[in-house]
Amino acid sequence: DYVPSLFVFIGLYALVISRLRNVVGPLLIILAAGAWQLVALDYVTAGEVASFWPAVLVVFGLSVVAGRFRRRMTAVDDAQIDLLGLFGANERRATVREFVGGDLTGLFGRVELDLRDTEVAMPPARINATALFGAVDITVPREWNVHMDVLPVLGAAEDDRLRHEQEHEEIDLVVTGFTAFGAVSVTD
């Protein structure tokens, strides 16, 4: 009867671990598991919960749009790269010398960002990656030290680069975000 509570705690744990940088994914898990728990304890019916799903989808869509609008207003150059792959592919090769970070979102599509011609302005650069029924692929220089902090739910988040001795201890890139039924990967 209390299995959904485990998923609520997993969502809360993900919020704490990411230091509230990754909010949307864990909140979706908390809301879905919380609704499941309410149904399991007979506080509400499944039909009542199902009537709220369109509202949840609208709120999620508005959060994606608001995040992209906010980023565009503050970032006017290529040091901040925001890409959206919606039912298709969006590929970009960055050539800026002072890369800061960006938002990559693959919704039923693919986003590919090639960072091999960039340098990090003030390490670490930060990329927030969201892949829902899609994929986000990030290509980085071989010598970069990358830290993955992506929450996968029925998906994958992996650093596909071959392991070798690190040339430096400093982290060059932090990849945060959320994936459900999709993948976030880092390659060289």
N, C-alpha and C. Protein backbone atom coordinates (compact mmCIF):
# COMPACT_ATOMS: atom_id res chain seq x y z
N ASP A 1 0.80 -1.21 0.00
CA ASP A 1 0.00 0.00 0.00
C ASP A 1 0.84 1.28 0.00
N TYR A 2 2.07 1.17 0.54
CA TYR A 2 2.89 2.38 0.70
C TYR A 2 4.07 2.44 -0.26
N VAL A 3 4.06 1.64 -1.31
CA VAL A 3 5.13 1.67 -2.30
C VAL A 3 5.24 3.05 -2.97
N PRO A 4 4.14 3.73 -3.30
CA PRO A 4 4.28 5.05 -3.92
C PRO A 4 5.03 6.06 -3.04
N SER A 5 4.95 5.89 -1.73
CA SER A 5 5.68 6.79 -0.84
C SER A 5 7.19 6.69 -1.06
N LEU A 6 7.66 5.50 -1.44
CA LEU A 6 9.07 5.33 -1.75
C LEU A 6 9.48 6.25 -2.89
N PHE A 7 8.63 6.37 -3.91
CA PHE A 7 8.93 7.24 -5.04
C PHE A 7 8.85 8.72 -4.65
N VAL A 8 7.98 9.06 -3.73
CA VAL A 8 7.94 10.43 -3.22
C VAL A 8 9.26 10.75 -2.54
N PHE A 9 9.77 9.82 -1.74
CA PHE A 9 11.05 10.05 -1.06
C PHE A 9 12.21 10.10 -2.05
N ILE A 10 12.14 9.31 -3.13
CA ILE A 10 13.18 9.38 -4.16
C ILE A 10 13.17 10.75 -4.83
N GLY A 11 11.99 11.30 -5.10
CA GLY A 11 11.90 12.64 -5.67
C GLY A 11 12.43 13.70 -4.73
N LEU A 12 12.10 13.58 -3.46
CA LEU A 12 12.63 14.53 -2.46
C LEU A 12 14.15 14.41 -2.36
N TYR A 13 14.65 13.19 -2.39
CA TYR A 13 16.10 12.97 -2.33
C TYR A 13 16.78 13.62 -3.54
N ALA A 14 16.17 13.47 -4.73
CA ALA A 14 16.74 14.08 -5.93
C ALA A 14 16.76 15.61 -5.82
N LEU A 15 15.73 16.20 -5.22
CA LEU A 15 15.72 17.65 -5.01
C LEU A 15 16.86 18.09 -4.10
N VAL A 16 17.06 17.35 -3.02
CA VAL A 16 18.11 17.71 -2.05
C VAL A 16 19.49 17.52 -2.65
N ILE A 17 19.71 16.40 -3.34
CA ILE A 17 21.02 16.12 -3.93
C ILE A 17 21.41 17.16 -4.97
N SER A 18 20.43 17.59 -5.78
CA SER A 18 20.74 18.57 -6.82
C SER A 18 20.79 20.00 -6.29
N ARG A 19 20.55 20.18 -4.99
CA ARG A 19 20.54 21.50 -4.35
C ARG A 19 19.55 22.45 -5.03
N LEU A 20 18.40 21.89 -5.40
CA LEU A 20 17.29 22.61 -6.04
C LEU A 20 17.64 23.20 -7.40
N ARG A 21 18.71 22.71 -8.04
CA ARG A 21 19.02 23.15 -9.40
C ARG A 21 18.14 22.41 -10.40
N ASN A 22 17.79 21.17 -10.09
CA ASN A 22 16.96 20.34 -10.95
C ASN A 22 15.62 20.18 -10.26
N VAL A 23 14.62 20.95 -10.63
CA VAL A 23 13.36 20.98 -9.91
C VAL A 23 12.24 20.27 -10.66
N VAL A 24 12.12 20.46 -11.96
CA VAL A 24 10.97 19.98 -12.72
C VAL A 24 10.84 18.46 -12.66
N GLY A 25 11.90 17.73 -12.94
CA GLY A 25 11.84 16.27 -12.95
C GLY A 25 11.44 15.68 -11.60
N PRO A 26 12.16 16.02 -10.52
CA PRO A 26 11.77 15.48 -9.22
C PRO A 26 10.35 15.88 -8.80
N LEU A 27 9.92 17.10 -9.14
CA LEU A 27 8.56 17.49 -8.78
C LEU A 27 7.52 16.66 -9.54
N LEU A 28 7.80 16.33 -10.79
CA LEU A 28 6.89 15.47 -11.53
C LEU A 28 6.80 14.09 -10.87
N ILE A 29 7.93 13.56 -10.42
CA ILE A 29 7.92 12.26 -9.74
C ILE A 29 7.14 12.36 -8.44
N ILE A 30 7.36 13.42 -7.67
CA ILE A 30 6.66 13.59 -6.40
C ILE A 30 5.15 13.70 -6.62
N LEU A 31 4.73 14.48 -7.62
CA LEU A 31 3.30 14.64 -7.90
C LEU A 31 2.66 13.33 -8.35
N ALA A 32 3.33 12.62 -9.27
CA ALA A 32 2.76 11.37 -9.77
C ALA A 32 2.69 10.31 -8.66
N ALA A 33 3.76 10.18 -7.88
CA ALA A 33 3.77 9.19 -6.80
C ALA A 33 2.80 9.58 -5.69
N GLY A 34 2.69 10.87 -5.41
CA GLY A 34 1.75 11.33 -4.40
C GLY A 34 0.31 11.04 -4.79
N ALA A 35 -0.01 11.25 -6.08
CA ALA A 35 -1.35 10.93 -6.56
C ALA A 35 -1.60 9.43 -6.50
N TRP A 36 -0.59 8.65 -6.87
CA TRP A 36 -0.69 7.19 -6.80
C TRP A 36 -0.94 6.75 -5.36
N GLN A 37 -0.24 7.37 -4.41
CA GLN A 37 -0.40 7.02 -3.00
C GLN A 37 -1.80 7.37 -2.50
N LEU A 38 -2.33 8.51 -2.91
CA LEU A 38 -3.69 8.90 -2.51
C LEU A 38 -4.73 7.92 -3.04
N VAL A 39 -4.52 7.44 -4.25
CA VAL A 39 -5.43 6.44 -4.82
C VAL A 39 -5.29 5.12 -4.06
N ALA A 40 -4.06 4.72 -3.75
CA ALA A 40 -3.83 3.45 -3.05
C ALA A 40 -4.46 3.46 -1.65
N LEU A 41 -4.52 4.61 -1.02
CA LEU A 41 -5.10 4.71 0.33
C LEU A 41 -6.59 5.08 0.29
N ASP A 42 -7.17 5.12 -0.90
CA ASP A 42 -8.59 5.41 -1.11
C ASP A 42 -9.02 6.79 -0.63
N TYR A 43 -8.15 7.77 -0.69
CA TYR A 43 -8.53 9.15 -0.40
C TYR A 43 -9.20 9.79 -1.61
N VAL A 44 -8.74 9.42 -2.80
CA VAL A 44 -9.33 9.89 -4.06
C VAL A 44 -9.45 8.70 -5.00
N THR A 45 -10.24 8.87 -6.04
CA THR A 45 -10.37 7.81 -7.04
C THR A 45 -9.41 8.08 -8.19
N ALA A 46 -9.14 7.05 -8.96
CA ALA A 46 -8.25 7.20 -10.11
C ALA A 46 -8.84 8.17 -11.13
N GLY A 47 -10.16 8.20 -11.25
CA GLY A 47 -10.81 9.14 -12.17
C GLY A 47 -10.61 10.58 -11.77
N GLU A 48 -10.63 10.85 -10.46
CA GLU A 48 -10.40 12.22 -9.99
C GLU A 48 -8.97 12.65 -10.26
N VAL A 49 -8.03 11.75 -10.07
CA VAL A 49 -6.62 12.07 -10.35
C VAL A 49 -6.42 12.27 -11.84
N ALA A 50 -7.05 11.42 -12.65
CA ALA A 50 -6.89 11.52 -14.10
C ALA A 50 -7.41 12.85 -14.64
N SER A 51 -8.37 13.44 -13.97
CA SER A 51 -8.90 14.72 -14.45
C SER A 51 -7.89 15.85 -14.30
N PHE A 52 -6.84 15.67 -13.49
CA PHE A 52 -5.84 16.72 -13.30
C PHE A 52 -4.65 16.60 -14.25
N TRP A 53 -4.52 15.49 -15.00
CA TRP A 53 -3.36 15.32 -15.86
C TRP A 53 -3.23 16.40 -16.93
N PRO A 54 -4.30 16.84 -17.56
CA PRO A 54 -4.12 17.94 -18.53
C PRO A 54 -3.54 19.20 -17.89
N ALA A 55 -3.95 19.50 -16.66
CA ALA A 55 -3.42 20.68 -15.98
C ALA A 55 -1.93 20.51 -15.69
N VAL A 56 -1.51 19.31 -15.32
CA VAL A 56 -0.09 19.05 -15.07
C VAL A 56 0.71 19.24 -16.35
N LEU A 57 0.19 18.74 -17.47
CA LEU A 57 0.89 18.91 -18.75
C LEU A 57 0.98 20.37 -19.15
N VAL A 58 -0.07 21.14 -18.93
CA VAL A 58 -0.05 22.56 -19.25
C VAL A 58 0.98 23.30 -18.39
N VAL A 59 1.01 23.00 -17.10
CA VAL A 59 1.98 23.64 -16.21
C VAL A 59 3.40 23.28 -16.61
N PHE A 60 3.63 22.00 -16.97
CA PHE A 60 4.96 21.61 -17.42
C PHE A 60 5.35 22.36 -18.69
N GLY A 61 4.43 22.44 -19.64
CA GLY A 61 4.71 23.17 -20.88
C GLY A 61 5.01 24.64 -20.63
N LEU A 62 4.25 25.25 -19.73
CA LEU A 62 4.50 26.66 -19.40
C LEU A 62 5.86 26.84 -18.73
N SER A 63 6.28 25.86 -17.90
CA SER A 63 7.59 25.97 -17.25
C SER A 63 8.71 25.88 -18.28
N VAL A 64 8.54 25.04 -19.30
CA VAL A 64 9.55 24.94 -20.35
C VAL A 64 9.61 26.24 -21.14
N VAL A 65 8.45 26.77 -21.52
CA VAL A 65 8.42 28.02 -22.29
C VAL A 65 8.96 29.19 -21.46
N ALA A 66 8.57 29.27 -20.19
CA ALA A 66 9.05 30.36 -19.33
C ALA A 66 10.55 30.28 -19.14
N GLY A 67 11.08 29.08 -18.99
CA GLY A 67 12.52 28.92 -18.83
C GLY A 67 13.27 29.35 -20.08
N ARG A 68 12.76 29.02 -21.25
CA ARG A 68 13.40 29.42 -22.50
C ARG A 68 13.29 30.93 -22.70
N PHE A 69 12.14 31.53 -22.36
CA PHE A 69 11.96 32.98 -22.51
C PHE A 69 12.90 33.72 -21.56
N ARG A 70 13.00 33.25 -20.33
CA ARG A 70 13.87 33.90 -19.35
C ARG A 70 15.32 33.84 -19.80
N ARG A 71 15.74 32.70 -20.32
CA ARG A 71 17.12 32.57 -20.78
C ARG A 71 17.41 33.50 -21.96
N ARG A 72 16.47 33.62 -22.87
CA ARG A 72 16.69 34.48 -24.03
C ARG A 72 16.79 35.93 -23.62
N MET A 73 16.09 36.33 -22.62
CA MET A 73 16.14 37.71 -22.18
C MET A 73 17.48 38.04 -21.53
N THR A 74 18.09 37.08 -20.81
CA THR A 74 19.34 37.37 -20.11
C THR A 74 20.57 37.04 -20.94
N ALA A 75 20.46 36.09 -21.86
CA ALA A 75 21.62 35.68 -22.65
C ALA A 75 21.45 36.16 -24.08
N VAL A 76 22.32 37.05 -24.50
CA VAL A 76 22.20 37.59 -25.85
C VAL A 76 23.34 37.15 -26.76
N ASP A 77 24.30 36.44 -26.22
CA ASP A 77 25.40 35.97 -27.06
C ASP A 77 25.49 34.45 -27.01
N ASP A 78 26.45 33.90 -27.72
CA ASP A 78 26.60 32.45 -27.81
C ASP A 78 27.33 31.85 -26.62
N ALA A 79 27.68 32.62 -25.63
CA ALA A 79 28.29 32.06 -24.43
C ALA A 79 27.26 31.22 -23.68
N GLN A 80 25.99 31.54 -23.85
CA GLN A 80 24.86 30.80 -23.28
C GLN A 80 24.09 30.21 -24.45
N ILE A 81 24.03 28.88 -24.55
CA ILE A 81 23.40 28.23 -25.70
C ILE A 81 22.14 27.52 -25.24
N ASP A 82 21.00 27.88 -25.82
CA ASP A 82 19.72 27.27 -25.53
C ASP A 82 19.19 26.61 -26.79
N LEU A 83 18.94 25.30 -26.72
CA LEU A 83 18.45 24.56 -27.88
C LEU A 83 17.23 23.75 -27.51
N LEU A 84 16.28 23.66 -28.44
CA LEU A 84 15.07 22.87 -28.26
C LEU A 84 14.89 21.97 -29.47
N GLY A 85 14.75 20.66 -29.22
CA GLY A 85 14.42 19.70 -30.26
C GLY A 85 13.01 19.19 -30.01
N LEU A 86 12.04 19.69 -30.75
CA LEU A 86 10.64 19.34 -30.55
C LEU A 86 10.15 18.60 -31.78
N PHE A 87 9.93 17.29 -31.66
CA PHE A 87 9.50 16.43 -32.75
C PHE A 87 10.45 16.52 -33.94
N GLY A 88 11.73 16.71 -33.68
CA GLY A 88 12.73 16.78 -34.73
C GLY A 88 14.11 16.89 -34.12
N ALA A 89 15.07 17.28 -34.92
CA ALA A 89 16.45 17.38 -34.45
C ALA A 89 16.94 18.82 -34.52
N ASN A 90 17.79 19.18 -33.57
CA ASN A 90 18.41 20.49 -33.54
C ASN A 90 19.88 20.26 -33.23
N GLU A 91 20.74 20.56 -34.20
CA GLU A 91 22.17 20.34 -34.04
C GLU A 91 22.89 21.68 -34.07
N ARG A 92 23.91 21.80 -33.21
CA ARG A 92 24.66 23.07 -33.16
C ARG A 92 26.10 22.78 -32.81
N ARG A 93 27.00 23.45 -33.48
CA ARG A 93 28.43 23.37 -33.18
C ARG A 93 28.84 24.73 -32.64
N ALA A 94 29.21 24.76 -31.37
CA ALA A 94 29.58 26.02 -30.73
C ALA A 94 31.04 26.35 -31.03
N THR A 95 31.27 27.62 -31.34
CA THR A 95 32.64 28.07 -31.62
C THR A 95 33.05 29.24 -30.72
N VAL A 96 32.22 29.55 -29.75
CA VAL A 96 32.52 30.66 -28.86
C VAL A 96 33.71 30.31 -27.97
N ARG A 97 34.55 31.27 -27.68
CA ARG A 97 35.76 31.02 -26.89
C ARG A 97 35.49 31.06 -25.38
N GLU A 98 34.41 31.67 -24.95
CA GLU A 98 34.13 31.76 -23.52
C GLU A 98 32.76 31.17 -23.24
N PHE A 99 32.66 29.84 -23.28
CA PHE A 99 31.40 29.14 -23.06
C PHE A 99 31.03 29.18 -21.58
N VAL A 100 29.76 29.49 -21.29
CA VAL A 100 29.26 29.58 -19.92
C VAL A 100 28.33 28.42 -19.59
N GLY A 101 27.45 28.06 -20.52
CA GLY A 101 26.51 26.97 -20.27
C GLY A 101 25.30 27.10 -21.16
N GLY A 102 24.21 26.41 -20.76
CA GLY A 102 23.00 26.51 -21.54
C GLY A 102 21.93 25.54 -21.09
N ASP A 103 20.81 25.58 -21.81
CA ASP A 103 19.67 24.69 -21.60
C ASP A 103 19.45 23.91 -22.88
N LEU A 104 19.42 22.59 -22.76
CA LEU A 104 19.17 21.72 -23.90
C LEU A 104 17.93 20.89 -23.59
N THR A 105 16.92 20.97 -24.46
CA THR A 105 15.66 20.28 -24.23
C THR A 105 15.28 19.47 -25.46
N GLY A 106 15.13 18.16 -25.26
CA GLY A 106 14.68 17.26 -26.32
C GLY A 106 13.32 16.70 -25.95
N LEU A 107 12.25 17.19 -26.57
CA LEU A 107 10.89 16.70 -26.34
C LEU A 107 10.44 15.98 -27.60
N PHE A 108 10.41 14.66 -27.55
CA PHE A 108 10.09 13.83 -28.70
C PHE A 108 11.02 14.15 -29.86
N GLY A 109 12.23 14.57 -29.56
CA GLY A 109 13.21 14.91 -30.58
C GLY A 109 14.61 14.81 -30.03
N ARG A 110 15.58 15.26 -30.82
CA ARG A 110 16.99 15.14 -30.44
C ARG A 110 17.66 16.50 -30.50
N VAL A 111 18.52 16.74 -29.50
CA VAL A 111 19.36 17.93 -29.47
C VAL A 111 20.81 17.47 -29.41
N GLU A 112 21.63 17.99 -30.31
CA GLU A 112 23.05 17.65 -30.33
C GLU A 112 23.86 18.95 -30.26
N LEU A 113 24.76 19.02 -29.27
CA LEU A 113 25.61 20.19 -29.09
C LEU A 113 27.06 19.74 -29.11
N ASP A 114 27.85 20.31 -30.01
CA ASP A 114 29.27 19.99 -30.14
C ASP A 114 30.08 21.14 -29.54
N LEU A 115 30.79 20.85 -28.45
CA LEU A 115 31.57 21.87 -27.74
C LEU A 115 33.07 21.71 -27.95
N ARG A 116 33.51 20.95 -28.94
CA ARG A 116 34.95 20.68 -29.11
C ARG A 116 35.75 21.90 -29.50
N ASP A 117 35.10 22.95 -30.03
CA ASP A 117 35.82 24.16 -30.42
C ASP A 117 35.66 25.28 -29.41
N THR A 118 35.26 24.96 -28.19
CA THR A 118 35.03 25.99 -27.18
C THR A 118 36.01 25.87 -26.03
N GLU A 119 36.03 26.90 -25.23
CA GLU A 119 36.77 26.91 -23.98
C GLU A 119 35.83 27.43 -22.91
N VAL A 120 36.00 26.94 -21.70
CA VAL A 120 35.14 27.36 -20.60
C VAL A 120 35.68 28.67 -20.03
N ALA A 121 34.80 29.67 -19.94
CA ALA A 121 35.20 30.98 -19.44
C ALA A 121 35.61 30.91 -17.98
N MET A 122 34.71 30.46 -17.14
CA MET A 122 34.98 30.33 -15.70
C MET A 122 34.46 28.97 -15.26
N PRO A 123 35.34 27.97 -15.16
CA PRO A 123 34.89 26.62 -14.83
C PRO A 123 34.18 26.57 -13.48
N PRO A 124 33.18 25.73 -13.35
CA PRO A 124 32.64 24.86 -14.39
C PRO A 124 31.51 25.54 -15.15
N ALA A 125 31.40 25.20 -16.42
CA ALA A 125 30.24 25.60 -17.21
C ALA A 125 29.09 24.68 -16.81
N ARG A 126 27.86 25.15 -16.96
CA ARG A 126 26.69 24.36 -16.53
C ARG A 126 25.70 24.22 -17.67
N ILE A 127 25.30 22.97 -17.92
CA ILE A 127 24.28 22.68 -18.90
C ILE A 127 23.14 21.97 -18.20
N ASN A 128 21.93 22.47 -18.40
CA ASN A 128 20.73 21.81 -17.89
C ASN A 128 20.10 21.08 -19.06
N ALA A 129 20.04 19.74 -18.97
CA ALA A 129 19.53 18.91 -20.06
C ALA A 129 18.23 18.24 -19.65
N THR A 130 17.21 18.37 -20.50
CA THR A 130 15.93 17.71 -20.28
C THR A 130 15.60 16.89 -21.52
N ALA A 131 15.38 15.59 -21.32
CA ALA A 131 15.04 14.69 -22.43
C ALA A 131 13.79 13.91 -22.06
N LEU A 132 12.67 14.24 -22.70
CA LEU A 132 11.42 13.52 -22.50
C LEU A 132 11.05 12.86 -23.82
N PHE A 133 11.11 11.54 -23.86
CA PHE A 133 10.86 10.78 -25.08
C PHE A 133 11.77 11.28 -26.19
N GLY A 134 12.98 11.68 -25.84
CA GLY A 134 13.92 12.19 -26.82
C GLY A 134 15.34 12.01 -26.31
N ALA A 135 16.27 12.75 -26.89
CA ALA A 135 17.68 12.59 -26.53
C ALA A 135 18.40 13.93 -26.55
N VAL A 136 19.39 14.03 -25.67
CA VAL A 136 20.30 15.17 -25.64
C VAL A 136 21.71 14.59 -25.70
N ASP A 137 22.47 14.94 -26.74
CA ASP A 137 23.84 14.47 -26.91
C ASP A 137 24.78 15.66 -26.86
N ILE A 138 25.79 15.57 -25.98
CA ILE A 138 26.76 16.65 -25.82
C ILE A 138 28.14 16.09 -26.15
N THR A 139 28.82 16.71 -27.10
CA THR A 139 30.17 16.29 -27.47
C THR A 139 31.15 17.31 -26.89
N VAL A 140 32.12 16.83 -26.12
CA VAL A 140 33.07 17.70 -25.44
C VAL A 140 34.50 17.33 -25.82
N PRO A 141 35.46 18.23 -25.61
CA PRO A 141 36.85 17.87 -25.83
C PRO A 141 37.27 16.72 -24.90
N ARG A 142 38.16 15.88 -25.37
CA ARG A 142 38.59 14.69 -24.64
C ARG A 142 39.17 15.01 -23.26
N GLU A 143 39.84 16.14 -23.13
CA GLU A 143 40.52 16.46 -21.86
C GLU A 143 39.59 17.07 -20.81
N TRP A 144 38.35 17.36 -21.14
CA TRP A 144 37.44 17.96 -20.17
C TRP A 144 37.05 16.97 -19.09
N ASN A 145 36.94 17.47 -17.88
CA ASN A 145 36.44 16.70 -16.75
C ASN A 145 34.97 17.05 -16.59
N VAL A 146 34.08 16.07 -16.80
CA VAL A 146 32.63 16.31 -16.81
C VAL A 146 31.98 15.61 -15.62
N HIS A 147 31.10 16.34 -14.93
CA HIS A 147 30.34 15.78 -13.80
C HIS A 147 28.88 15.68 -14.22
N MET A 148 28.32 14.45 -14.17
CA MET A 148 26.92 14.21 -14.55
C MET A 148 26.05 14.22 -13.29
N ASP A 149 24.99 15.03 -13.31
CA ASP A 149 24.03 15.10 -12.20
C ASP A 149 22.62 15.12 -12.80
N VAL A 150 22.32 14.07 -13.59
CA VAL A 150 21.04 13.97 -14.30
C VAL A 150 20.22 12.86 -13.67
N LEU A 151 18.93 13.13 -13.44
CA LEU A 151 18.03 12.15 -12.86
C LEU A 151 17.34 11.38 -13.98
N PRO A 152 17.68 10.08 -14.18
CA PRO A 152 17.00 9.30 -15.21
C PRO A 152 15.83 8.51 -14.63
N VAL A 153 14.68 8.61 -15.27
CA VAL A 153 13.51 7.82 -14.91
C VAL A 153 13.11 7.06 -16.16
N LEU A 154 13.32 5.75 -16.15
CA LEU A 154 13.09 4.92 -17.32
C LEU A 154 13.82 5.49 -18.53
N GLY A 155 15.04 5.90 -18.29
CA GLY A 155 15.88 6.48 -19.33
C GLY A 155 17.33 6.28 -18.95
N ALA A 156 18.23 6.97 -19.63
CA ALA A 156 19.66 6.80 -19.39
C ALA A 156 20.34 8.16 -19.34
N ALA A 157 21.32 8.24 -18.46
CA ALA A 157 22.19 9.42 -18.37
C ALA A 157 23.60 8.89 -18.21
N GLU A 158 24.44 9.08 -19.23
CA GLU A 158 25.76 8.44 -19.19
C GLU A 158 26.83 9.27 -19.88
N ASP A 159 28.04 9.06 -19.39
CA ASP A 159 29.23 9.64 -19.98
C ASP A 159 29.89 8.52 -20.77
N ASP A 160 29.79 8.57 -22.10
CA ASP A 160 30.25 7.49 -22.97
C ASP A 160 31.71 7.59 -23.37
N ARG A 161 32.46 8.48 -22.78
CA ARG A 161 33.86 8.65 -23.17
C ARG A 161 34.72 7.56 -22.57
N LEU A 162 35.79 7.21 -23.27
CA LEU A 162 36.75 6.26 -22.74
C LEU A 162 37.47 6.87 -21.55
N ARG A 163 37.72 6.08 -20.56
CA ARG A 163 38.39 6.57 -19.36
C ARG A 163 39.91 6.61 -19.60
N HIS A 164 40.51 7.69 -19.14
CA HIS A 164 41.97 7.83 -19.19
C HIS A 164 42.40 8.67 -18.00
N GLU A 165 43.69 8.73 -17.78
CA GLU A 165 44.18 9.52 -16.65
C GLU A 165 43.77 10.97 -16.83
N GLN A 166 43.23 11.53 -15.77
CA GLN A 166 42.82 12.93 -15.84
C GLN A 166 44.06 13.83 -15.83
N GLU A 167 44.01 14.82 -16.70
CA GLU A 167 45.11 15.76 -16.75
C GLU A 167 44.98 16.85 -15.70
N HIS A 168 43.76 17.03 -15.17
CA HIS A 168 43.55 18.05 -14.15
C HIS A 168 42.36 17.64 -13.28
N GLU A 169 42.31 18.16 -12.09
CA GLU A 169 41.26 17.83 -11.14
C GLU A 169 40.04 18.73 -11.28
N GLU A 170 40.19 19.92 -11.83
CA GLU A 170 39.11 20.89 -11.92
C GLU A 170 38.01 20.40 -12.86
N ILE A 171 36.75 20.58 -12.44
CA ILE A 171 35.62 20.17 -13.27
C ILE A 171 35.36 21.26 -14.30
N ASP A 172 35.31 20.87 -15.58
CA ASP A 172 35.09 21.81 -16.67
C ASP A 172 33.61 22.02 -16.97
N LEU A 173 32.81 20.95 -16.83
CA LEU A 173 31.40 21.00 -17.21
C LEU A 173 30.57 20.19 -16.24
N VAL A 174 29.45 20.77 -15.80
CA VAL A 174 28.47 20.07 -14.96
C VAL A 174 27.19 19.95 -15.78
N VAL A 175 26.72 18.72 -15.96
CA VAL A 175 25.49 18.47 -16.70
C VAL A 175 24.43 18.05 -15.68
N THR A 176 23.38 18.88 -15.54
CA THR A 176 22.28 18.57 -14.64
C THR A 176 21.03 18.38 -15.48
N GLY A 177 19.98 17.87 -14.86
CA GLY A 177 18.73 17.78 -15.57
C GLY A 177 17.93 16.56 -15.24
N PHE A 178 17.08 16.17 -16.20
CA PHE A 178 16.09 15.12 -16.00
C PHE A 178 15.84 14.43 -17.33
N THR A 179 15.69 13.11 -17.30
CA THR A 179 15.30 12.37 -18.49
C THR A 179 14.27 11.32 -18.13
N ALA A 180 13.23 11.22 -18.95
CA ALA A 180 12.21 10.20 -18.80
C ALA A 180 11.94 9.62 -20.18
N PHE A 181 12.11 8.32 -20.31
CA PHE A 181 11.93 7.64 -21.58
C PHE A 181 12.82 8.24 -22.65
N GLY A 182 14.02 8.64 -22.25
CA GLY A 182 14.95 9.24 -23.18
C GLY A 182 16.37 9.07 -22.69
N ALA A 183 17.30 9.85 -23.22
CA ALA A 183 18.70 9.70 -22.85
C ALA A 183 19.42 11.04 -22.91
N VAL A 184 20.35 11.20 -21.97
CA VAL A 184 21.30 12.32 -21.97
C VAL A 184 22.68 11.69 -21.99
N SER A 185 23.50 12.02 -22.99
CA SER A 185 24.81 11.39 -23.08
C SER A 185 25.89 12.43 -23.39
N VAL A 186 27.10 12.12 -22.93
CA VAL A 186 28.28 12.95 -23.17
C VAL A 186 29.30 12.08 -23.91
N THR A 187 29.79 12.57 -25.03
CA THR A 187 30.79 11.84 -25.83
C THR A 187 31.93 12.78 -26.18
N ASP A 188 32.98 12.23 -26.76
CA ASP A 188 34.09 13.08 -27.23
C ASP A 188 34.37 12.82 -28.69
